[in-house]
Protein backbone atom coordinates (compact mmCIF):
# COMPACT_ATOMS: atom_id res chain seq x y z
CA MET A 1 -20.01 -17.78 -0.40
CA LEU A 2 -16.93 -17.09 -2.85
CA ASP A 3 -17.37 -16.74 -6.50
CA ASN A 4 -14.81 -19.05 -9.10
CA GLU A 5 -13.15 -15.42 -9.77
CA THR A 6 -12.79 -14.55 -6.25
CA LYS A 7 -11.39 -18.01 -4.77
CA ALA A 8 -8.95 -17.84 -7.81
CA GLN A 9 -7.55 -14.36 -6.54
CA LEU A 10 -7.43 -15.78 -3.06
CA ALA A 11 -5.93 -18.35 -3.67
CA GLN A 12 -2.70 -16.19 -5.28
CA TYR A 13 -2.76 -14.75 -1.99
CA LEU A 14 -3.29 -17.43 0.05
CA GLU A 15 -0.28 -19.15 -1.63
CA LEU A 16 1.99 -16.33 0.66
CA LEU A 17 1.57 -17.19 3.73
CA GLU A 18 4.35 -17.28 5.86
CA GLY A 19 2.93 -19.24 8.72
CA ASP A 20 0.18 -20.69 9.71
CA ILE A 21 -3.27 -19.04 10.88
CA GLN A 22 -6.16 -20.21 12.90
CA PHE A 23 -9.73 -18.66 12.57
CA LEU A 24 -11.04 -18.85 16.46
CA ALA A 25 -14.89 -18.84 15.56
CA SER A 26 -17.89 -17.73 17.69
CA LEU A 27 -20.88 -19.01 15.69
CA GLY A 28 -24.35 -19.51 16.70
CA THR A 29 -27.12 -21.02 14.97
CA ASP A 30 -28.45 -18.29 13.35
CA GLU A 31 -28.45 -17.32 9.86
CA ASN A 32 -25.46 -14.71 10.21
CA SER A 33 -23.72 -16.74 12.16
CA LYS A 34 -24.36 -19.91 9.56
CA LYS A 35 -23.12 -17.71 6.81
CA THR A 36 -19.71 -16.51 8.81
CA GLY A 37 -19.12 -20.13 9.22
CA GLU A 38 -19.86 -21.00 5.96
CA PHE A 39 -17.30 -18.71 4.72
CA LEU A 40 -14.60 -19.43 7.54
CA ASN A 41 -14.58 -22.87 6.23
CA GLU A 42 -14.61 -22.11 2.42
CA VAL A 43 -11.35 -20.23 2.69
CA ALA A 44 -9.23 -22.35 5.32
CA ALA A 45 -10.55 -25.14 3.06
CA MET A 46 -8.49 -23.66 0.51
CA SER A 47 -5.07 -23.59 2.47
CA ASP A 48 -3.53 -26.36 4.98
CA LYS A 49 -1.91 -23.61 6.50
CA ILE A 50 -5.25 -22.54 7.99
CA THR A 51 -7.39 -24.13 10.53
CA VAL A 52 -11.19 -23.18 12.37
CA ALA A 53 -11.71 -23.62 15.47
CA VAL A 54 -14.67 -23.12 18.22
CA ALA A 55 -14.54 -19.93 20.89
CA ASP A 56 -16.84 -18.04 22.76
CA LEU A 57 -16.43 -14.18 21.90
CA PRO A 58 -17.93 -10.98 22.88
CA ARG A 59 -19.70 -10.77 19.75
CA THR A 60 -21.54 -13.75 18.05
CA PRO A 61 -20.84 -14.62 14.76
CA SER A 62 -17.42 -13.03 14.66
CA PHE A 63 -13.89 -14.17 14.19
CA GLU A 64 -10.44 -13.49 15.31
CA VAL A 65 -7.55 -14.15 13.10
CA ASN A 66 -4.61 -16.02 15.20
CA PRO A 67 -0.84 -17.01 14.34
CA ALA A 68 -1.36 -20.45 14.97
CA THR A 69 0.25 -20.04 18.89
CA GLY A 70 -1.25 -16.88 20.34
CA LYS A 71 -3.42 -13.65 19.72
CA SER A 72 -3.09 -11.14 16.37
CA GLY A 73 -5.33 -8.37 18.64
CA ILE A 74 -7.46 -8.66 14.99
CA THR A 75 -11.33 -9.55 15.05
CA PHE A 76 -14.24 -9.65 12.27
CA ALA A 77 -17.91 -8.95 13.69
CA GLY A 78 -19.67 -9.88 10.16
CA LEU A 79 -18.62 -10.91 7.12
CA PRO A 80 -15.25 -9.07 5.43
CA LEU A 81 -16.97 -8.69 2.27
CA GLY A 82 -17.28 -5.77 -0.49
CA HIS A 83 -14.53 -3.42 0.44
CA GLU A 84 -13.46 -4.99 3.08
CA PHE A 85 -12.30 -8.52 1.25
CA THR A 86 -9.06 -6.93 0.67
CA SER A 87 -8.68 -5.93 4.72
CA PHE A 88 -9.24 -9.51 5.66
CA ILE A 89 -6.42 -10.44 3.05
CA LEU A 90 -4.14 -8.20 4.28
CA ALA A 91 -5.19 -9.94 7.53
CA LEU A 92 -4.20 -13.13 6.88
CA LEU A 93 0.03 -12.37 5.33
CA GLN A 94 0.14 -9.65 8.13
CA VAL A 95 -0.82 -12.07 10.74
CA ALA A 96 0.84 -14.94 8.90
CA GLY A 97 4.37 -12.93 8.79
CA ARG A 98 4.46 -10.69 5.96
CA PRO A 99 5.41 -7.03 7.34
CA PRO A 100 2.91 -4.28 6.99
CA LYS A 101 4.09 -1.71 4.24
CA ILE A 102 4.47 1.08 6.18
CA GLU A 103 6.98 3.16 6.71
CA PRO A 104 9.61 2.90 9.58
CA GLU A 105 9.47 5.70 11.66
CA VAL A 106 5.67 5.27 11.75
CA ALA A 107 6.07 1.76 12.60
CA ALA A 108 8.17 2.80 15.52
CA GLN A 109 6.01 4.94 17.18
CA ILE A 110 3.17 1.94 16.75
CA LYS A 111 5.49 -0.51 18.91
CA ALA A 112 6.31 2.16 21.12
CA ILE A 113 2.26 3.06 22.33
CA ASN A 114 3.11 1.69 26.03
CA GLN A 115 -0.84 1.21 26.86
CA GLU A 116 -3.74 -1.03 27.04
CA LEU A 117 -6.17 0.39 23.56
CA HIS A 118 -9.72 -1.61 22.18
CA PHE A 119 -10.44 0.02 19.09
CA GLU A 120 -13.98 -1.07 17.58
CA THR A 121 -14.37 0.60 14.18
CA TYR A 122 -18.28 0.25 12.80
CA VAL A 123 -18.27 -0.23 8.89
CA SER A 124 -20.29 -0.58 5.52
CA LEU A 125 -19.69 -2.85 3.59
CA THR A 126 -20.39 -0.32 0.37
CA CYS A 127 -17.83 2.38 2.25
CA HIS A 128 -14.59 2.90 -0.27
CA ASN A 129 -13.83 4.71 2.60
CA CYS A 130 -13.62 2.23 5.39
CA PRO A 131 -10.97 0.09 4.62
CA ASP A 132 -8.07 2.53 5.03
CA VAL A 133 -9.52 3.16 8.78
CA VAL A 134 -9.78 -1.00 9.47
CA GLN A 135 -6.37 -1.99 7.59
CA ALA A 136 -4.42 0.99 9.85
CA LEU A 137 -5.84 -0.32 13.57
CA ASN A 138 -5.17 -4.06 12.02
CA ILE A 139 -1.45 -3.25 10.98
CA MET A 140 -1.47 -1.58 14.76
CA ALA A 141 -2.80 -4.72 16.20
CA VAL A 142 -0.23 -7.14 14.84
CA LEU A 143 2.97 -4.50 15.53
CA ASN A 144 1.99 -4.09 19.17
CA PRO A 145 0.43 -6.58 21.41
CA LYS A 146 -1.38 -4.37 23.80
CA ILE A 147 -3.64 -3.25 21.05
CA SER A 148 -6.46 -5.20 19.46
CA HIS A 149 -9.40 -4.19 17.10
CA THR A 150 -12.79 -5.67 15.67
CA MET A 151 -14.01 -4.37 12.84
CA ILE A 152 -17.99 -4.50 12.77
CA GLU A 153 -20.44 -4.85 10.48
CA GLY A 154 -22.95 -2.37 10.05
CA GLY A 155 -25.72 -4.45 8.68
CA MET A 156 -24.75 -7.55 10.95
CA TYR A 157 -25.05 -5.23 13.74
CA GLN A 158 -27.47 -2.72 13.38
CA ALA A 159 -29.25 -3.40 16.41
CA GLU A 160 -25.95 -1.93 18.13
CA VAL A 161 -25.44 0.58 15.20
CA GLU A 162 -28.71 2.21 16.28
CA GLU A 163 -27.88 2.09 19.97
CA LYS A 164 -24.33 3.75 19.46
CA LYS A 165 -26.44 6.32 17.06
CA VAL A 166 -23.98 5.25 14.32
CA MET A 167 -24.99 7.73 11.46
CA ALA A 168 -21.63 8.12 9.40
CA VAL A 169 -18.78 5.39 8.66
CA PRO A 170 -16.00 4.17 9.57
CA THR A 171 -16.69 5.31 12.94
CA VAL A 172 -13.84 4.68 15.76
CA PHE A 173 -14.71 3.64 19.21
CA LEU A 174 -12.11 3.41 21.81
CA GLY A 175 -12.77 1.63 25.40
CA GLY A 176 -15.80 1.91 24.29
CA GLU A 177 -15.84 6.04 23.79
CA GLU A 178 -16.51 7.19 20.63
CA PHE A 179 -12.93 8.07 19.16
CA ALA A 180 -12.71 8.92 15.59
CA SER A 181 -15.31 9.06 12.21
CA GLY A 182 -14.56 9.54 8.86
CA ARG A 183 -11.35 8.63 6.57
CA MET A 184 -8.32 8.63 8.64
CA THR A 185 -4.54 7.60 7.14
CA ILE A 186 -2.33 4.94 9.08
CA GLU A 187 -0.72 8.05 10.04
CA GLN A 188 -3.27 10.23 11.22
CA LEU A 189 -4.30 7.53 13.53
CA VAL A 190 -0.86 6.51 15.24
CA GLU A 191 -0.89 10.51 15.76
CA LYS A 192 -4.18 10.93 17.63
CA VAL A 193 -2.91 8.15 19.83
CA ALA A 194 0.67 8.58 20.73
CA GLY A 195 1.27 12.44 19.14
CA PRO A 196 2.91 13.28 16.18
CA LEU A 197 6.61 12.30 14.91
CA ASP A 198 9.52 14.07 17.22
CA ALA A 199 11.21 16.97 15.82
CA SER A 200 13.72 14.43 15.47
CA ALA A 201 12.60 12.58 12.44
CA PHE A 202 12.75 15.78 10.55
CA ALA A 203 16.42 16.86 11.17
CA ASP A 204 18.07 15.59 8.14
CA LYS A 205 16.36 17.87 6.00
CA ASP A 206 18.08 19.97 3.81
CA VAL A 207 17.33 22.25 1.33
CA PHE A 208 14.87 21.06 -1.13
CA ASP A 209 14.34 22.10 -5.10
CA VAL A 210 11.11 21.86 -5.20
CA LEU A 211 8.62 20.94 -2.51
CA VAL A 212 4.85 19.83 -3.11
CA VAL A 213 2.30 20.82 -0.66
CA GLY A 214 -0.12 18.20 -1.21
CA GLY A 215 -0.77 14.58 -2.10
CA GLY A 216 -3.82 14.89 -3.93
CA PRO A 217 -3.64 14.80 -8.24
CA ALA A 218 -1.93 17.82 -8.97
CA GLY A 219 0.54 17.35 -5.92
CA ALA A 220 1.64 13.79 -7.18
CA SER A 221 1.87 14.99 -11.23
CA SER A 222 4.16 17.85 -9.49
CA ALA A 223 6.22 15.91 -7.61
CA ILE A 224 6.93 12.71 -10.01
CA TYR A 225 7.53 16.04 -13.08
CA ALA A 226 9.82 17.21 -10.63
CA ALA A 227 11.48 14.55 -9.74
CA ARG A 228 12.24 13.53 -13.35
CA LYS A 229 14.09 16.16 -13.93
CA GLY A 230 16.88 14.67 -11.09
CA ILE A 231 15.96 17.81 -8.41
CA LYS A 232 15.93 17.22 -4.63
CA THR A 233 12.27 16.87 -4.70
CA GLY A 234 10.11 16.65 -1.25
CA MET A 235 5.93 16.17 -0.67
CA VAL A 236 4.34 17.28 2.17
CA VAL A 237 0.82 15.49 2.46
CA ASP A 238 -1.71 15.49 4.87
CA THR A 239 -3.84 12.58 3.87
CA PHE A 240 -2.61 11.26 0.36
CA GLY A 241 -5.29 11.04 -2.27
CA GLY A 242 -7.26 14.40 -1.50
CA GLN A 243 -10.44 14.44 -2.77
CA VAL A 244 -10.43 11.76 -5.20
CA MET A 245 -10.63 9.29 -2.84
CA GLU A 246 -13.87 10.84 -2.01
CA THR A 247 -15.11 9.56 -5.92
CA LEU A 248 -15.94 6.17 -6.59
CA GLY A 249 -16.98 5.96 -10.70
CA ILE A 250 -14.61 7.54 -12.46
CA GLU A 251 -15.38 7.63 -16.67
CA ASN A 252 -13.89 10.82 -17.86
CA LEU A 253 -9.74 9.38 -16.93
CA ILE A 254 -9.13 9.06 -20.62
CA GLY A 255 -7.33 6.24 -21.18
CA THR A 256 -9.10 4.67 -18.59
CA PRO A 257 -12.55 3.42 -19.19
CA TYR A 258 -13.21 2.81 -15.31
CA THR A 259 -11.89 3.47 -12.34
CA GLU A 260 -12.28 4.42 -9.14
CA GLY A 261 -10.83 7.01 -6.92
CA PRO A 262 -9.02 5.50 -3.84
CA LYS A 263 -7.75 2.69 -6.67
CA LEU A 264 -6.48 5.37 -8.68
CA MET A 265 -4.55 7.23 -5.87
CA ALA A 266 -2.81 4.24 -4.47
CA GLN A 267 -1.39 3.48 -7.59
CA VAL A 268 -0.72 6.96 -8.21
CA GLU A 269 1.31 7.00 -4.71
CA GLU A 270 3.20 3.80 -6.09
CA HIS A 271 4.19 6.08 -9.18
CA VAL A 272 5.30 8.80 -6.85
CA LYS A 273 7.75 6.46 -4.79
CA GLN A 274 9.37 4.84 -8.09
CA TYR A 275 11.34 8.01 -7.75
CA ASP A 276 13.32 9.90 -5.34
CA VAL A 277 10.53 11.95 -3.53
CA ASP A 278 11.04 12.36 -0.13
CA LEU A 279 7.10 12.06 0.69
CA MET A 280 6.25 13.45 4.46
CA LYS A 281 2.46 11.46 5.36
CA GLY A 282 0.63 12.96 7.83
CA GLN A 283 1.92 16.81 8.24
CA ARG A 284 -0.47 19.74 7.91
CA VAL A 285 1.63 23.06 6.75
CA GLN A 286 0.70 26.41 8.43
CA ASP A 287 2.68 29.33 6.59
CA ILE A 288 4.67 29.50 3.67
CA ARG A 289 6.46 32.46 3.80
CA LYS A 290 9.50 34.08 1.28
CA THR A 291 13.06 35.02 2.29
CA ASP A 292 15.98 33.99 0.49
CA LEU A 293 14.37 30.82 -0.40
CA VAL A 294 11.07 29.82 0.44
CA GLU A 295 9.72 28.09 4.24
CA VAL A 296 7.28 26.36 4.48
CA GLU A 297 6.11 25.49 8.33
CA LEU A 298 3.97 22.30 9.77
CA ALA A 299 1.80 22.67 12.45
CA ASN A 300 4.75 20.79 14.36
CA GLY A 301 6.91 24.03 14.28
CA ILE A 302 8.97 22.43 12.11
CA VAL A 303 10.67 24.80 9.26
CA LEU A 304 11.10 23.03 5.51
CA GLN A 305 13.44 25.03 3.04
CA THR A 306 13.68 25.14 -0.22
CA ARG A 307 14.24 27.31 -3.47
CA THR A 308 10.01 26.42 -4.91
CA ALA A 309 7.44 25.45 -3.36
CA ILE A 310 4.46 24.62 -5.36
CA LEU A 311 1.07 24.67 -3.66
CA ALA A 312 -1.10 21.57 -4.78
CA THR A 313 -3.74 21.69 -1.77
CA GLY A 314 -6.94 21.03 -3.39
CA ALA A 315 -10.57 21.53 -1.83
CA HIS A 316 -12.96 20.47 0.63
CA TRP A 317 -17.06 20.02 -0.11
CA ARG A 318 -18.57 23.25 0.51
CA ASP A 319 -19.85 24.15 3.91
CA ILE A 320 -24.30 25.52 3.62
CA ASN A 321 -23.46 27.36 6.78
CA VAL A 322 -26.81 26.89 8.98
CA PRO A 323 -27.70 26.46 12.28
CA GLY A 324 -27.28 22.51 12.62
CA GLU A 325 -24.80 22.05 10.67
CA LYS A 326 -21.69 21.61 12.61
CA GLU A 327 -23.72 20.21 15.71
CA PHE A 328 -25.08 17.37 13.90
CA LYS A 329 -22.03 16.09 11.83
CA ASN A 330 -21.39 12.75 11.51
CA LYS A 331 -24.56 12.30 13.40
CA GLY A 332 -27.11 12.65 10.64
CA ILE A 333 -25.21 14.93 8.19
CA ALA A 334 -22.97 13.09 5.46
CA TYR A 335 -21.86 13.83 2.71
CA CYS A 336 -20.54 10.18 0.94
CA PRO A 337 -24.01 8.23 -0.52
CA HIS A 338 -21.86 5.60 -1.11
CA CYS A 339 -19.99 5.06 2.28
CA ASP A 340 -22.83 6.26 4.63
CA GLY A 341 -25.90 6.03 2.55
CA PRO A 342 -26.63 1.97 3.46
CA LEU A 343 -26.62 3.30 6.99
CA PHE A 344 -30.26 5.29 6.29
CA ALA A 345 -32.24 2.49 4.33
CA GLY A 346 -35.47 2.57 4.54
CA LYS A 347 -35.44 6.58 6.13
CA GLU A 348 -36.63 9.78 5.06
CA ILE A 349 -33.41 11.81 3.74
CA ALA A 350 -32.50 14.68 1.75
CA VAL A 351 -29.97 15.83 -0.51
CA ILE A 352 -29.16 19.46 -0.41
CA GLY A 353 -27.38 20.55 -3.61
CA GLY A 354 -28.92 19.83 -7.72
CA GLY A 355 -25.38 19.47 -9.17
CA ASN A 356 -24.04 16.13 -10.61
CA SER A 357 -22.88 15.63 -7.66
CA GLY A 358 -25.80 16.20 -5.37
CA ILE A 359 -27.83 14.41 -8.02
CA GLU A 360 -25.39 11.37 -8.82
CA ALA A 361 -25.65 11.00 -4.63
CA ALA A 362 -29.70 11.49 -4.83
CA ILE A 363 -30.28 8.74 -7.84
CA ASP A 364 -27.81 5.99 -4.90
CA LEU A 365 -29.68 7.24 -2.12
CA ALA A 366 -33.10 6.05 -3.97
CA ASN A 367 -32.44 3.10 -4.38
CA LEU A 368 -32.13 2.18 -0.55
CA ALA A 369 -33.97 5.38 0.89
CA LYS A 370 -37.94 5.30 1.12
CA HIS A 371 -37.99 8.98 -0.05
CA VAL A 372 -35.50 11.49 -1.08
CA TYR A 373 -36.06 15.22 -1.39
CA VAL A 374 -33.62 17.20 -3.37
CA LEU A 375 -33.20 20.59 -2.55
CA GLU A 376 -31.61 23.27 -4.87
CA PHE A 377 -30.92 26.60 -4.30
CA LEU A 378 -31.92 27.62 -7.90
CA PRO A 379 -35.09 27.81 -10.29
CA GLU A 380 -33.94 24.78 -12.04
CA LEU A 381 -31.38 21.56 -10.98
CA LYS A 382 -27.38 22.48 -13.05
CA ALA A 383 -26.74 18.99 -13.39
CA ASP A 384 -26.60 16.89 -16.89
CA GLN A 385 -29.48 16.01 -18.89
CA VAL A 386 -28.98 12.38 -18.55
CA LEU A 387 -28.98 12.21 -14.46
CA GLN A 388 -32.28 14.84 -14.61
CA THR A 389 -33.86 12.65 -16.52
CA LYS A 390 -32.77 9.24 -15.19
CA LEU A 391 -33.66 11.46 -11.10
CA ALA A 392 -36.67 11.84 -12.50
CA SER A 393 -38.06 8.43 -13.39
CA LEU A 394 -37.57 7.65 -10.00
CA SER A 395 -41.31 7.16 -7.57
CA ASN A 396 -39.29 8.17 -4.50
CA VAL A 397 -37.77 11.30 -5.24
CA THR A 398 -39.17 14.61 -4.60
CA VAL A 399 -37.30 17.55 -5.92
CA ILE A 400 -37.84 21.36 -4.75
CA THR A 401 -35.97 24.16 -6.39
CA ASN A 402 -35.86 27.88 -5.03
CA ALA A 403 -35.51 26.23 -2.30
CA GLN A 404 -33.12 27.83 0.63
CA THR A 405 -32.13 25.83 3.80
CA ASN A 406 -32.74 27.37 6.91
CA GLU A 407 -31.64 25.09 9.77
CA ILE A 408 -31.14 21.39 10.56
CA SER A 409 -32.47 20.28 13.94
CA GLY A 410 -33.05 17.34 16.18
CA GLY A 411 -32.05 15.73 19.41
CA ASP A 412 -28.90 13.27 19.30
CA GLN A 413 -29.09 13.04 15.42
CA VAL A 414 -31.00 14.65 13.12
CA GLU A 415 -34.89 14.44 13.17
CA ALA A 416 -35.40 17.58 10.21
CA LEU A 417 -34.65 20.02 7.91
CA ASN A 418 -36.16 23.87 7.77
CA TYR A 419 -36.04 25.58 4.52
CA THR A 420 -37.59 28.82 2.86
CA ASP A 421 -39.32 29.19 -0.77
CA ARG A 422 -37.87 31.87 -2.34
CA THR A 423 -40.68 32.80 -4.62
CA THR A 424 -43.53 32.24 -1.91
CA GLN A 425 -41.01 33.24 1.35
CA GLU A 426 -43.32 30.51 2.90
CA SER A 427 -41.59 28.50 5.34
CA HIS A 428 -41.62 24.20 5.20
CA THR A 429 -40.08 21.32 7.03
CA LEU A 430 -38.82 18.37 6.13
CA ALA A 431 -38.44 15.15 8.80
CA VAL A 432 -35.87 13.33 7.62
CA SER A 433 -33.51 11.34 8.94
CA GLY A 434 -29.80 12.54 7.40
CA VAL A 435 -28.91 14.97 5.15
CA PHE A 436 -26.12 15.25 2.60
CA ILE A 437 -24.82 18.21 1.36
CA LEU A 438 -23.49 18.35 -1.85
CA ILE A 439 -23.36 21.93 -3.50
CA GLY A 440 -19.91 22.00 -4.61
CA LEU A 441 -16.08 22.88 -2.93
CA MET A 442 -14.00 25.26 -1.61
CA PRO A 443 -10.79 25.55 -2.15
CA ASN A 444 -8.24 24.58 0.97
CA THR A 445 -6.52 28.56 0.95
CA GLU A 446 -7.90 29.46 4.49
CA TRP A 447 -4.65 29.21 5.80
CA LEU A 448 -2.37 31.14 3.41
CA PRO A 449 -0.51 34.52 4.12
CA GLU A 450 -1.64 37.45 2.37
CA THR A 451 1.12 37.61 0.08
CA ILE A 452 -0.13 34.99 -1.94
CA GLU A 453 -2.69 37.02 -4.47
CA LYS A 454 -6.32 35.21 -4.13
CA ASN A 455 -9.52 35.50 -6.09
CA PRO A 456 -12.89 36.54 -4.39
CA ARG A 457 -13.44 32.96 -4.29
CA GLY A 458 -10.19 32.30 -2.99
CA GLU A 459 -8.65 30.40 -5.74
CA ILE A 460 -5.05 30.94 -6.07
CA VAL A 461 -3.90 33.49 -8.58
CA VAL A 462 -1.63 31.91 -11.25
CA ASP A 463 -0.21 32.60 -15.10
CA GLY A 464 0.55 30.11 -17.58
CA HIS A 465 3.33 28.61 -15.96
CA GLY A 466 1.87 27.88 -13.03
CA ALA A 467 3.21 30.59 -10.75
CA THR A 468 1.75 33.23 -8.30
CA ASN A 469 2.82 36.27 -7.72
CA VAL A 470 5.39 35.45 -5.21
CA PRO A 471 8.82 34.44 -7.05
CA GLY A 472 9.10 30.71 -6.62
CA ILE A 473 6.18 30.28 -5.08
CA PHE A 474 3.06 28.39 -7.23
CA ALA A 475 0.12 26.46 -7.20
CA ALA A 476 -1.02 23.26 -9.32
CA GLY A 477 -5.27 22.23 -8.54
CA ASP A 478 -8.65 22.85 -7.37
CA CYS A 479 -7.12 25.31 -5.29
CA THR A 480 -6.12 27.98 -7.99
CA SER A 481 -7.95 29.78 -10.39
CA SER A 482 -8.30 27.16 -12.98
CA ALA A 483 -11.58 27.43 -14.70
CA TYR A 484 -12.62 23.89 -14.24
CA LYS A 485 -12.17 21.11 -11.43
CA GLN A 486 -11.07 17.49 -12.81
CA ILE A 487 -9.06 14.88 -12.24
CA ILE A 488 -7.19 15.09 -15.16
CA ILE A 489 -6.75 18.95 -15.24
CA SER A 490 -5.14 18.95 -11.84
CA MET A 491 -2.41 16.22 -13.31
CA GLY A 492 -2.07 18.88 -16.23
CA SER A 493 -1.63 21.67 -14.06
CA GLY A 494 0.71 19.58 -11.67
CA ALA A 495 2.92 18.97 -14.79
CA THR A 496 2.78 23.20 -15.44
CA ALA A 497 3.47 24.25 -12.20
CA ALA A 498 6.51 21.48 -11.27
CA LEU A 499 7.65 22.55 -15.81
CA GLY A 500 7.37 26.10 -14.57
CA ALA A 501 9.19 25.75 -10.81
CA PHE A 502 12.01 23.86 -13.00
CA ASP A 503 12.59 26.54 -15.59
CA TYR A 504 12.43 29.27 -12.85
CA LEU A 505 15.17 27.54 -11.02
CA ILE A 506 17.21 27.68 -14.30
CA ARG A 507 17.19 31.29 -14.39
CA GLU A 508 17.71 32.32 -10.95
């Protein structure tokens, strides 16, 4: 089941096992059970600390990862390969006794949960967002015996996926009811269960010199550059990584021929943690105001004070604002072809957007779907020519230009898309099971007060030093009036804003 390179990497991790592990497996005579059994026996043969036993579990094939005595609460229904192989390795290490790498206050929140919780997460092995959720819920199960978690591989349990109408991954069920969908951090999952961190966790926060709002490339760059100046630096982060976490292949980061978004931002986060940065994760900011200092108010009501602030809140996918868009989100409407594409295998789908993101998505989806319709509002596609050429070579793709989407409709899930031909004004309906929307980004600035100047697109107006019109408040990255939205440009603008803030501090 495992190639030599993977086995070599796994062997290194198995050397780190601190205690004995037992795979408790429920296997039948079907092909999937055979593959699962082979996988478990192959792994067990690599370490004398791992044994395999047989049991009758709710799903076949599936297996629990338990300590030698007792239960961990972690179950894998399906093979944890692809992006989930890391989840499997971390489960082995944590069940064997290695502490999870999470903040102490988050661990305390998890251990304090006093109710029986059984989570089930539906994933696809090509989803780069799914492991974050799987690993977070596995950690919760390891730390609290009242919590259990089962990862369910959608390809192996397709009937369940269809029965529960799972149209996006990861989708988490709690006690049989849908609990959450999409990428979530452990802080967000814990807050959803146990509520936000107590205000006492922020009681010892002194005045910052620089407080960065946002955890994408611009925010991380700002924090690193500020901390390197030796000034008191903090970061308020909802989800570390930002929009880059939705990007799979990155080939234009100079000096790095190829990487992937989640991998890159994991490295960036580790880089930030090498400095004295007060990283406050899982926190949303709802207001910012200038008094003698700059005050940053969190959604939980806590007010942090800082001499300067850097807004690096990034952007999100633009909505098309038509009937059915909100109603069918995660019920056929999707934004990530790598994550959700496998759920639409053999089906007819639509991609809205003719730029690079839309055409890249259409090319990827054409490998899975029965047919892909690409709808572009303008008379011609806007994507790079190399992408258009590749798209034109695919026989199961239809490009429709001058198309104005009017409505997305269906019953429990997407069934059709209606659009108007802007040339003829004729109305057309496509029978599709999914709609991927990729029409560009909108800045995350809707929460900002009117005192901070924005342009008509909602982007924060900054000068060459990253300064806004409000003294002491700076901004960087995709939330600003920067002409181009690229990772490398965001990192550069973050550095600029930090240097601008430092210059402001020494002159004030």
